[in-house]
Amino acid sequence: TLLGSPAIPLLGMMMIPKTIAYLLVFYYMKKF
């Protein structure tokens, strides 16, 4: 997103899997 979105705005959508990744980090740390 940081490198590609200025040239290809659609790459800003990569922030969605980034957000999901943080949720999964939270899930594992919470669960265990």
Full PDB file with SEQRES, HELIX, SHEET, SSBOND, CRYST1, ORIGX, SCALE, CONECT and MASTER records, all heavy atoms in Angstrom:
SEQRES   1 A   32  THR LEU LEU GLY SER PRO ALA ILE PRO LEU LEU GLY MET          
SEQRES   2 A   32  MET MET ILE PRO LYS THR ILE ALA TYR LEU LEU VAL PHE          
SEQRES   3 A   32  TYR TYR MET LYS LYS PHE                                      
HELIX    1 AA1 PRO A    9  MET A   14  5                                   6    
HELIX    2 AA2 MET A   15  LYS A   31  1                                  17    
CRYST1    1.000    1.000    1.000  90.00  90.00  90.00 P 1           1          
ORIGX1      1.000000  0.000000  0.000000        0.00000                         
ORIGX2      0.000000  1.000000  0.000000        0.00000                         
ORIGX3      0.000000  0.000000  1.000000        0.00000                         
SCALE1      1.000000  0.000000  0.000000        0.00000                         
SCALE2      0.000000  1.000000  0.000000        0.00000                         
SCALE3      0.000000  0.000000  1.000000        0.00000                         
ATOM      1  N   THR A   1       0.822  -1.210   0.000  1.00  0.00           N  
ATOM      2  CA  THR A   1       0.000   0.000   0.000  1.00  0.00           C  
ATOM      3  C   THR A   1       0.852   1.255   0.000  1.00  0.00           C  
ATOM      4  O   THR A   1       0.616   2.193  -0.767  1.00  0.00           O  
ATOM      5  CB  THR A   1      -0.922   0.018   1.237  1.00  0.00           C  
ATOM      6  OG1 THR A   1      -1.760  -1.135   1.220  1.00  0.00           O  
ATOM      7  CG2 THR A   1      -1.788   1.273   1.251  1.00  0.00           C  
ATOM      8  N   LEU A   2       1.876   1.260   0.844  1.00  0.00           N  
ATOM      9  CA  LEU A   2       2.724   2.441   1.006  1.00  0.00           C  
ATOM     10  C   LEU A   2       3.460   2.789  -0.282  1.00  0.00           C  
ATOM     11  O   LEU A   2       3.530   3.953  -0.688  1.00  0.00           O  
ATOM     12  CB  LEU A   2       3.722   2.200   2.143  1.00  0.00           C  
ATOM     13  CG  LEU A   2       4.608   3.368   2.570  1.00  0.00           C  
ATOM     14  CD1 LEU A   2       3.778   4.490   3.165  1.00  0.00           C  
ATOM     15  CD2 LEU A   2       5.656   2.889   3.582  1.00  0.00           C  
ATOM     16  N   LEU A   3       3.998   1.766  -0.958  1.00  0.00           N  
ATOM     17  CA  LEU A   3       4.798   2.006  -2.147  1.00  0.00           C  
ATOM     18  C   LEU A   3       3.966   2.035  -3.432  1.00  0.00           C  
ATOM     19  O   LEU A   3       4.303   2.757  -4.373  1.00  0.00           O  
ATOM     20  CB  LEU A   3       5.883   0.932  -2.279  1.00  0.00           C  
ATOM     21  CG  LEU A   3       6.939   0.887  -1.177  1.00  0.00           C  
ATOM     22  CD1 LEU A   3       7.919  -0.254  -1.427  1.00  0.00           C  
ATOM     23  CD2 LEU A   3       7.691   2.203  -1.082  1.00  0.00           C  
ATOM     24  N   GLY A   4       2.889   1.247  -3.453  1.00  0.00           N  
ATOM     25  CA  GLY A   4       2.155   1.092  -4.702  1.00  0.00           C  
ATOM     26  C   GLY A   4       0.937   1.969  -4.887  1.00  0.00           C  
ATOM     27  O   GLY A   4       0.607   2.339  -6.019  1.00  0.00           O  
ATOM     28  N   SER A   5       0.266   2.340  -3.787  1.00  0.00           N  
ATOM     29  CA  SER A   5      -0.992   3.068  -3.924  1.00  0.00           C  
ATOM     30  C   SER A   5      -0.853   4.453  -4.558  1.00  0.00           C  
ATOM     31  O   SER A   5      -1.795   4.896  -5.229  1.00  0.00           O  
ATOM     32  CB  SER A   5      -1.697   3.175  -2.567  1.00  0.00           C  
ATOM     33  OG  SER A   5      -0.900   3.868  -1.631  1.00  0.00           O  
ATOM     34  N   PRO A   6       0.280   5.183  -4.378  1.00  0.00           N  
ATOM     35  CA  PRO A   6       0.367   6.472  -5.073  1.00  0.00           C  
ATOM     36  C   PRO A   6       0.278   6.334  -6.594  1.00  0.00           C  
ATOM     37  O   PRO A   6      -0.277   7.199  -7.270  1.00  0.00           O  
ATOM     38  CB  PRO A   6       1.752   6.995  -4.651  1.00  0.00           C  
ATOM     39  CG  PRO A   6       1.991   6.388  -3.320  1.00  0.00           C  
ATOM     40  CD  PRO A   6       1.412   5.004  -3.440  1.00  0.00           C  
ATOM     41  N   ALA A   7       0.810   5.247  -7.139  1.00  0.00           N  
ATOM     42  CA  ALA A   7       0.755   5.034  -8.588  1.00  0.00           C  
ATOM     43  C   ALA A   7      -0.486   4.250  -8.993  1.00  0.00           C  
ATOM     44  O   ALA A   7      -1.084   4.519 -10.043  1.00  0.00           O  
ATOM     45  CB  ALA A   7       2.009   4.292  -9.044  1.00  0.00           C  
ATOM     46  N   ILE A   8      -0.872   3.276  -8.147  1.00  0.00           N  
ATOM     47  CA  ILE A   8      -2.050   2.445  -8.443  1.00  0.00           C  
ATOM     48  C   ILE A   8      -2.982   2.514  -7.230  1.00  0.00           C  
ATOM     49  O   ILE A   8      -2.833   1.733  -6.272  1.00  0.00           O  
ATOM     50  CB  ILE A   8      -1.656   0.981  -8.730  1.00  0.00           C  
ATOM     51  CG1 ILE A   8      -0.571   0.917  -9.811  1.00  0.00           C  
ATOM     52  CG2 ILE A   8      -2.875   0.166  -9.142  1.00  0.00           C  
ATOM     53  CD1 ILE A   8      -0.031  -0.479 -10.058  1.00  0.00           C  
ATOM     54  N   PRO A   9      -3.918   3.453  -7.204  1.00  0.00           N  
ATOM     55  CA  PRO A   9      -4.775   3.645  -6.028  1.00  0.00           C  
ATOM     56  C   PRO A   9      -5.497   2.388  -5.568  1.00  0.00           C  
ATOM     57  O   PRO A   9      -5.778   2.231  -4.377  1.00  0.00           O  
ATOM     58  CB  PRO A   9      -5.770   4.711  -6.508  1.00  0.00           C  
ATOM     59  CG  PRO A   9      -5.028   5.462  -7.573  1.00  0.00           C  
ATOM     60  CD  PRO A   9      -4.188   4.425  -8.259  1.00  0.00           C  
ATOM     61  N   LEU A  10      -5.773   1.469  -6.486  1.00  0.00           N  
ATOM     62  CA  LEU A  10      -6.487   0.248  -6.126  1.00  0.00           C  
ATOM     63  C   LEU A  10      -5.712  -0.582  -5.108  1.00  0.00           C  
ATOM     64  O   LEU A  10      -6.297  -1.349  -4.332  1.00  0.00           O  
ATOM     65  CB  LEU A  10      -6.763  -0.585  -7.381  1.00  0.00           C  
ATOM     66  CG  LEU A  10      -7.710  -1.791  -7.212  1.00  0.00           C  
ATOM     67  CD1 LEU A  10      -9.087  -1.318  -6.772  1.00  0.00           C  
ATOM     68  CD2 LEU A  10      -7.797  -2.578  -8.521  1.00  0.00           C  
ATOM     69  N   LEU A  11      -4.384  -0.424  -5.076  1.00  0.00           N  
ATOM     70  CA  LEU A  11      -3.571  -1.172  -4.115  1.00  0.00           C  
ATOM     71  C   LEU A  11      -3.834  -0.732  -2.680  1.00  0.00           C  
ATOM     72  O   LEU A  11      -3.422  -1.404  -1.740  1.00  0.00           O  
ATOM     73  CB  LEU A  11      -2.082  -1.006  -4.443  1.00  0.00           C  
ATOM     74  CG  LEU A  11      -1.598  -1.691  -5.727  1.00  0.00           C  
ATOM     75  CD1 LEU A  11      -0.123  -1.398  -5.969  1.00  0.00           C  
ATOM     76  CD2 LEU A  11      -1.831  -3.201  -5.640  1.00  0.00           C  
ATOM     77  N   GLY A  12      -4.519   0.388  -2.516  1.00  0.00           N  
ATOM     78  CA  GLY A  12      -4.925   0.795  -1.175  1.00  0.00           C  
ATOM     79  C   GLY A  12      -5.831  -0.227  -0.512  1.00  0.00           C  
ATOM     80  O   GLY A  12      -5.944  -0.269   0.715  1.00  0.00           O  
ATOM     81  N   MET A  13      -6.448  -1.100  -1.319  1.00  0.00           N  
ATOM     82  CA  MET A  13      -7.305  -2.146  -0.766  1.00  0.00           C  
ATOM     83  C   MET A  13      -6.505  -3.197   0.003  1.00  0.00           C  
ATOM     84  O   MET A  13      -7.088  -4.008   0.736  1.00  0.00           O  
ATOM     85  CB  MET A  13      -8.097  -2.819  -1.894  1.00  0.00           C  
ATOM     86  CG  MET A  13      -9.126  -1.913  -2.544  1.00  0.00           C  
ATOM     87  SD  MET A  13     -10.138  -2.772  -3.771  1.00  0.00           S  
ATOM     88  CE  MET A  13     -11.009  -3.935  -2.723  1.00  0.00           C  
ATOM     89  N   MET A  14      -5.178  -3.172  -0.137  1.00  0.00           N  
ATOM     90  CA  MET A  14      -4.355  -4.107   0.628  1.00  0.00           C  
ATOM     91  C   MET A  14      -4.407  -3.810   2.122  1.00  0.00           C  
ATOM     92  O   MET A  14      -3.968  -4.625   2.945  1.00  0.00           O  
ATOM     93  CB  MET A  14      -2.910  -4.062   0.140  1.00  0.00           C  
ATOM     94  CG  MET A  14      -2.711  -4.548  -1.275  1.00  0.00           C  
ATOM     95  SD  MET A  14      -3.262  -6.261  -1.517  1.00  0.00           S  
ATOM     96  CE  MET A  14      -2.066  -7.158  -0.543  1.00  0.00           C  
ATOM     97  N   MET A  15      -4.957  -2.663   2.487  1.00  0.00           N  
ATOM     98  CA  MET A  15      -5.144  -2.362   3.902  1.00  0.00           C  
ATOM     99  C   MET A  15      -6.207  -3.265   4.528  1.00  0.00           C  
ATOM    100  O   MET A  15      -6.248  -3.431   5.741  1.00  0.00           O  
ATOM    101  CB  MET A  15      -5.538  -0.900   4.083  1.00  0.00           C  
ATOM    102  CG  MET A  15      -4.433   0.090   3.711  1.00  0.00           C  
ATOM    103  SD  MET A  15      -2.952  -0.091   4.720  1.00  0.00           S  
ATOM    104  CE  MET A  15      -3.509   0.709   6.230  1.00  0.00           C  
ATOM    105  N   ILE A  16      -7.060  -3.857   3.691  1.00  0.00           N  
ATOM    106  CA  ILE A  16      -8.071  -4.777   4.221  1.00  0.00           C  
ATOM    107  C   ILE A  16      -7.420  -6.052   4.761  1.00  0.00           C  
ATOM    108  O   ILE A  16      -7.668  -6.424   5.918  1.00  0.00           O  
ATOM    109  CB  ILE A  16      -9.133  -5.094   3.144  1.00  0.00           C  
ATOM    110  CG1 ILE A  16      -9.935  -3.830   2.824  1.00  0.00           C  
ATOM    111  CG2 ILE A  16     -10.065  -6.225   3.615  1.00  0.00           C  
ATOM    112  CD1 ILE A  16     -10.952  -4.021   1.709  1.00  0.00           C  
ATOM    113  N   PRO A  17      -6.575  -6.762   3.984  1.00  0.00           N  
ATOM    114  CA  PRO A  17      -5.891  -7.918   4.579  1.00  0.00           C  
ATOM    115  C   PRO A  17      -4.960  -7.524   5.720  1.00  0.00           C  
ATOM    116  O   PRO A  17      -4.742  -8.324   6.633  1.00  0.00           O  
ATOM    117  CB  PRO A  17      -5.121  -8.532   3.404  1.00  0.00           C  
ATOM    118  CG  PRO A  17      -5.078  -7.480   2.357  1.00  0.00           C  
ATOM    119  CD  PRO A  17      -6.305  -6.659   2.532  1.00  0.00           C  
ATOM    120  N   LYS A  18      -4.410  -6.309   5.699  1.00  0.00           N  
ATOM    121  CA  LYS A  18      -3.586  -5.846   6.816  1.00  0.00           C  
ATOM    122  C   LYS A  18      -4.423  -5.791   8.095  1.00  0.00           C  
ATOM    123  O   LYS A  18      -3.992  -6.251   9.152  1.00  0.00           O  
ATOM    124  CB  LYS A  18      -3.001  -4.470   6.520  1.00  0.00           C  
ATOM    125  CG  LYS A  18      -2.302  -3.815   7.713  1.00  0.00           C  
ATOM    126  CD  LYS A  18      -1.835  -2.423   7.352  1.00  0.00           C  
ATOM    127  CE  LYS A  18      -1.236  -1.716   8.567  1.00  0.00           C  
ATOM    128  NZ  LYS A  18      -2.249  -1.401   9.585  1.00  0.00           N  
ATOM    129  N   THR A  19      -5.627  -5.244   7.979  1.00  0.00           N  
ATOM    130  CA  THR A  19      -6.520  -5.161   9.144  1.00  0.00           C  
ATOM    131  C   THR A  19      -6.901  -6.544   9.636  1.00  0.00           C  
ATOM    132  O   THR A  19      -6.915  -6.810  10.846  1.00  0.00           O  
ATOM    133  CB  THR A  19      -7.780  -4.358   8.768  1.00  0.00           C  
ATOM    134  OG1 THR A  19      -7.403  -3.056   8.326  1.00  0.00           O  
ATOM    135  CG2 THR A  19      -8.719  -4.230   9.967  1.00  0.00           C  
ATOM    136  N   ILE A  20      -7.206  -7.440   8.709  1.00  0.00           N  
ATOM    137  CA  ILE A  20      -7.558  -8.815   9.079  1.00  0.00           C  
ATOM    138  C   ILE A  20      -6.382  -9.501   9.764  1.00  0.00           C  
ATOM    139  O   ILE A  20      -6.556 -10.273  10.725  1.00  0.00           O  
ATOM    140  CB  ILE A  20      -8.020  -9.595   7.834  1.00  0.00           C  
ATOM    141  CG1 ILE A  20      -9.323  -8.997   7.288  1.00  0.00           C  
ATOM    142  CG2 ILE A  20      -8.206 -11.075   8.161  1.00  0.00           C  
ATOM    143  CD1 ILE A  20      -9.767  -9.598   5.969  1.00  0.00           C  
ATOM    144  N   ALA A  21      -5.171  -9.214   9.292  1.00  0.00           N  
ATOM    145  CA  ALA A  21      -3.977  -9.813   9.899  1.00  0.00           C  
ATOM    146  C   ALA A  21      -3.854  -9.410  11.361  1.00  0.00           C  
ATOM    147  O   ALA A  21      -3.522 -10.242  12.218  1.00  0.00           O  
ATOM    148  CB  ALA A  21      -2.724  -9.391   9.124  1.00  0.00           C  
ATOM    149  N   TYR A  22      -4.117  -8.149  11.672  1.00  0.00           N  
ATOM    150  CA  TYR A  22      -4.053  -7.709  13.067  1.00  0.00           C  
ATOM    151  C   TYR A  22      -5.135  -8.370  13.909  1.00  0.00           C  
ATOM    152  O   TYR A  22      -4.922  -8.671  15.087  1.00  0.00           O  
ATOM    153  CB  TYR A  22      -4.158  -6.189  13.150  1.00  0.00           C  
ATOM    154  CG  TYR A  22      -2.840  -5.492  12.939  1.00  0.00           C  
ATOM    155  CD1 TYR A  22      -2.626  -4.676  11.831  1.00  0.00           C  
ATOM    156  CD2 TYR A  22      -1.784  -5.664  13.833  1.00  0.00           C  
ATOM    157  CE1 TYR A  22      -1.407  -4.059  11.621  1.00  0.00           C  
ATOM    158  CE2 TYR A  22      -0.566  -5.045  13.634  1.00  0.00           C  
ATOM    159  CZ  TYR A  22      -0.376  -4.248  12.525  1.00  0.00           C  
ATOM    160  OH  TYR A  22       0.839  -3.640  12.325  1.00  0.00           O  
ATOM    161  N   LEU A  23      -6.296  -8.598  13.311  1.00  0.00           N  
ATOM    162  CA  LEU A  23      -7.344  -9.318  14.043  1.00  0.00           C  
ATOM    163  C   LEU A  23      -6.895 -10.736  14.373  1.00  0.00           C  
ATOM    164  O   LEU A  23      -7.192 -11.259  15.458  1.00  0.00           O  
ATOM    165  CB  LEU A  23      -8.641  -9.357  13.227  1.00  0.00           C  
ATOM    166  CG  LEU A  23      -9.497  -8.090  13.215  1.00  0.00           C  
ATOM    167  CD1 LEU A  23     -10.715  -8.289  12.323  1.00  0.00           C  
ATOM    168  CD2 LEU A  23      -9.934  -7.706  14.633  1.00  0.00           C  
ATOM    169  N   LEU A  24      -6.179 -11.375  13.456  1.00  0.00           N  
ATOM    170  CA  LEU A  24      -5.702 -12.733  13.703  1.00  0.00           C  
ATOM    171  C   LEU A  24      -4.586 -12.749  14.751  1.00  0.00           C  
ATOM    172  O   LEU A  24      -4.506 -13.675  15.566  1.00  0.00           O  
ATOM    173  CB  LEU A  24      -5.223 -13.366  12.397  1.00  0.00           C  
ATOM    174  CG  LEU A  24      -6.353 -13.728  11.432  1.00  0.00           C  
ATOM    175  CD1 LEU A  24      -5.812 -14.058  10.053  1.00  0.00           C  
ATOM    176  CD2 LEU A  24      -7.156 -14.904  11.983  1.00  0.00           C  
ATOM    177  N   VAL A  25      -3.731 -11.732  14.753  1.00  0.00           N  
ATOM    178  CA  VAL A  25      -2.739 -11.609  15.821  1.00  0.00           C  
ATOM    179  C   VAL A  25      -3.453 -11.512  17.157  1.00  0.00           C  
ATOM    180  O   VAL A  25      -3.099 -12.190  18.134  1.00  0.00           O  
ATOM    181  CB  VAL A  25      -1.859 -10.361  15.607  1.00  0.00           C  
ATOM    182  CG1 VAL A  25      -0.954 -10.129  16.820  1.00  0.00           C  
ATOM    183  CG2 VAL A  25      -0.996 -10.520  14.361  1.00  0.00           C  
ATOM    184  N   PHE A  26      -4.475 -10.690  17.211  1.00  0.00           N  
ATOM    185  CA  PHE A  26      -5.265 -10.518  18.429  1.00  0.00           C  
ATOM    186  C   PHE A  26      -5.916 -11.840  18.835  1.00  0.00           C  
ATOM    187  O   PHE A  26      -5.937 -12.210  20.015  1.00  0.00           O  
ATOM    188  CB  PHE A  26      -6.313  -9.441  18.194  1.00  0.00           C  
ATOM    189  CG  PHE A  26      -7.065  -9.031  19.430  1.00  0.00           C  
ATOM    190  CD1 PHE A  26      -6.509  -9.158  20.695  1.00  0.00           C  
ATOM    191  CD2 PHE A  26      -8.336  -8.495  19.334  1.00  0.00           C  
ATOM    192  CE1 PHE A  26      -7.196  -8.773  21.838  1.00  0.00           C  
ATOM    193  CE2 PHE A  26      -9.030  -8.103  20.464  1.00  0.00           C  
ATOM    194  CZ  PHE A  26      -8.463  -8.246  21.709  1.00  0.00           C  
ATOM    195  N   TYR A  27      -6.442 -12.561  17.856  1.00  0.00           N  
ATOM    196  CA  TYR A  27      -7.124 -13.826  18.134  1.00  0.00           C  
ATOM    197  C   TYR A  27      -6.190 -14.828  18.803  1.00  0.00           C  
ATOM    198  O   TYR A  27      -6.536 -15.440  19.821  1.00  0.00           O  
ATOM    199  CB  TYR A  27      -7.664 -14.407  16.822  1.00  0.00           C  
ATOM    200  CG  TYR A  27      -8.109 -15.850  16.934  1.00  0.00           C  
ATOM    201  CD1 TYR A  27      -9.321 -16.183  17.551  1.00  0.00           C  
ATOM    202  CD2 TYR A  27      -7.318 -16.890  16.437  1.00  0.00           C  
ATOM    203  CE1 TYR A  27      -9.727 -17.497  17.658  1.00  0.00           C  
ATOM    204  CE2 TYR A  27      -7.721 -18.205  16.541  1.00  0.00           C  
ATOM    205  CZ  TYR A  27      -8.922 -18.502  17.143  1.00  0.00           C  
ATOM    206  OH  TYR A  27      -9.317 -19.814  17.268  1.00  0.00           O  
ATOM    207  N   TYR A  28      -4.983 -14.995  18.244  1.00  0.00           N  
ATOM    208  CA  TYR A  28      -4.062 -15.982  18.804  1.00  0.00           C  
ATOM    209  C   TYR A  28      -3.553 -15.570  20.174  1.00  0.00           C  
ATOM    210  O   TYR A  28      -3.432 -16.414  21.076  1.00  0.00           O  
ATOM    211  CB  TYR A  28      -2.901 -16.227  17.842  1.00  0.00           C  
ATOM    212  CG  TYR A  28      -3.311 -17.041  16.639  1.00  0.00           C  
ATOM    213  CD1 TYR A  28      -3.240 -16.509  15.358  1.00  0.00           C  
ATOM    214  CD2 TYR A  28      -3.785 -18.340  16.794  1.00  0.00           C  
ATOM    215  CE1 TYR A  28      -3.640 -17.255  14.261  1.00  0.00           C  
ATOM    216  CE2 TYR A  28      -4.183 -19.088  15.707  1.00  0.00           C  
ATOM    217  CZ  TYR A  28      -4.104 -18.539  14.433  1.00  0.00           C  
ATOM    218  OH  TYR A  28      -4.509 -19.276  13.348  1.00  0.00           O  
ATOM    219  N   MET A  29      -3.256 -14.302  20.353  1.00  0.00           N  
ATOM    220  CA  MET A  29      -2.773 -13.855  21.652  1.00  0.00           C  
ATOM    221  C   MET A  29      -3.873 -13.941  22.705  1.00  0.00           C  
ATOM    222  O   MET A  29      -3.619 -14.272  23.861  1.00  0.00           O  
ATOM    223  CB  MET A  29      -2.244 -12.417  21.547  1.00  0.00           C  
ATOM    224  CG  MET A  29      -1.092 -12.264  20.576  1.00  0.00           C  
ATOM    225  SD  MET A  29       0.303 -13.361  20.923  1.00  0.00           S  
ATOM    226  CE  MET A  29       1.340 -12.300  21.904  1.00  0.00           C  
ATOM    227  N   LYS A  30      -5.090 -13.665  22.299  1.00  0.00           N  
ATOM    228  CA  LYS A  30      -6.217 -13.770  23.235  1.00  0.00           C  
ATOM    229  C   LYS A  30      -6.474 -15.234  23.590  1.00  0.00           C  
ATOM    230  O   LYS A  30      -6.599 -15.589  24.767  1.00  0.00           O  
ATOM    231  CB  LYS A  30      -7.470 -13.170  22.605  1.00  0.00           C  
ATOM    232  CG  LYS A  30      -8.739 -13.462  23.407  1.00  0.00           C  
ATOM    233  CD  LYS A  30      -9.983 -13.141  22.605  1.00  0.00           C  
ATOM    234  CE  LYS A  30     -11.222 -13.678  23.330  1.00  0.00           C  
ATOM    235  NZ  LYS A  30     -12.457 -13.443  22.569  1.00  0.00           N  
ATOM    236  N   LYS A  31      -6.511 -16.072  22.587  1.00  0.00           N  
ATOM    237  CA  LYS A  31      -6.879 -17.469  22.795  1.00  0.00           C  
ATOM    238  C   LYS A  31      -5.891 -18.204  23.687  1.00  0.00           C  
ATOM    239  O   LYS A  31      -6.289 -18.977  24.559  1.00  0.00           O  
ATOM    240  CB  LYS A  31      -6.974 -18.177  21.430  1.00  0.00           C  
ATOM    241  CG  LYS A  31      -7.374 -19.644  21.529  1.00  0.00           C  
ATOM    242  CD  LYS A  31      -7.490 -20.251  20.149  1.00  0.00           C  
ATOM    243  CE  LYS A  31      -7.869 -21.730  20.237  1.00  0.00           C  
ATOM    244  NZ  LYS A  31      -7.963 -22.361  18.887  1.00  0.00           N  
ATOM    245  N   PHE A  32      -4.617 -17.954  23.489  1.00  0.00           N  
ATOM    246  CA  PHE A  32      -3.604 -18.737  24.188  1.00  0.00           C  
ATOM    247  C   PHE A  32      -3.010 -18.060  25.414  1.00  0.00           C  
ATOM    248  O   PHE A  32      -2.353 -18.708  26.213  1.00  0.00           O  
ATOM    249  CB  PHE A  32      -2.463 -19.101  23.222  1.00  0.00           C  
ATOM    250  CG  PHE A  32      -2.892 -20.062  22.151  1.00  0.00           C  
ATOM    251  CD1 PHE A  32      -3.107 -19.627  20.861  1.00  0.00           C  
ATOM    252  CD2 PHE A  32      -3.101 -21.402  22.432  1.00  0.00           C  
ATOM    253  CE1 PHE A  32      -3.511 -20.505  19.866  1.00  0.00           C  
ATOM    254  CE2 PHE A  32      -3.494 -22.289  21.452  1.00  0.00           C  
ATOM    255  CZ  PHE A  32      -3.704 -21.840  20.168  1.00  0.00           C  
TER     256      PHE A  32                                                      
MASTER        0    0    0    2    0    0    0    6  255    1    0    3          
END                                                                             
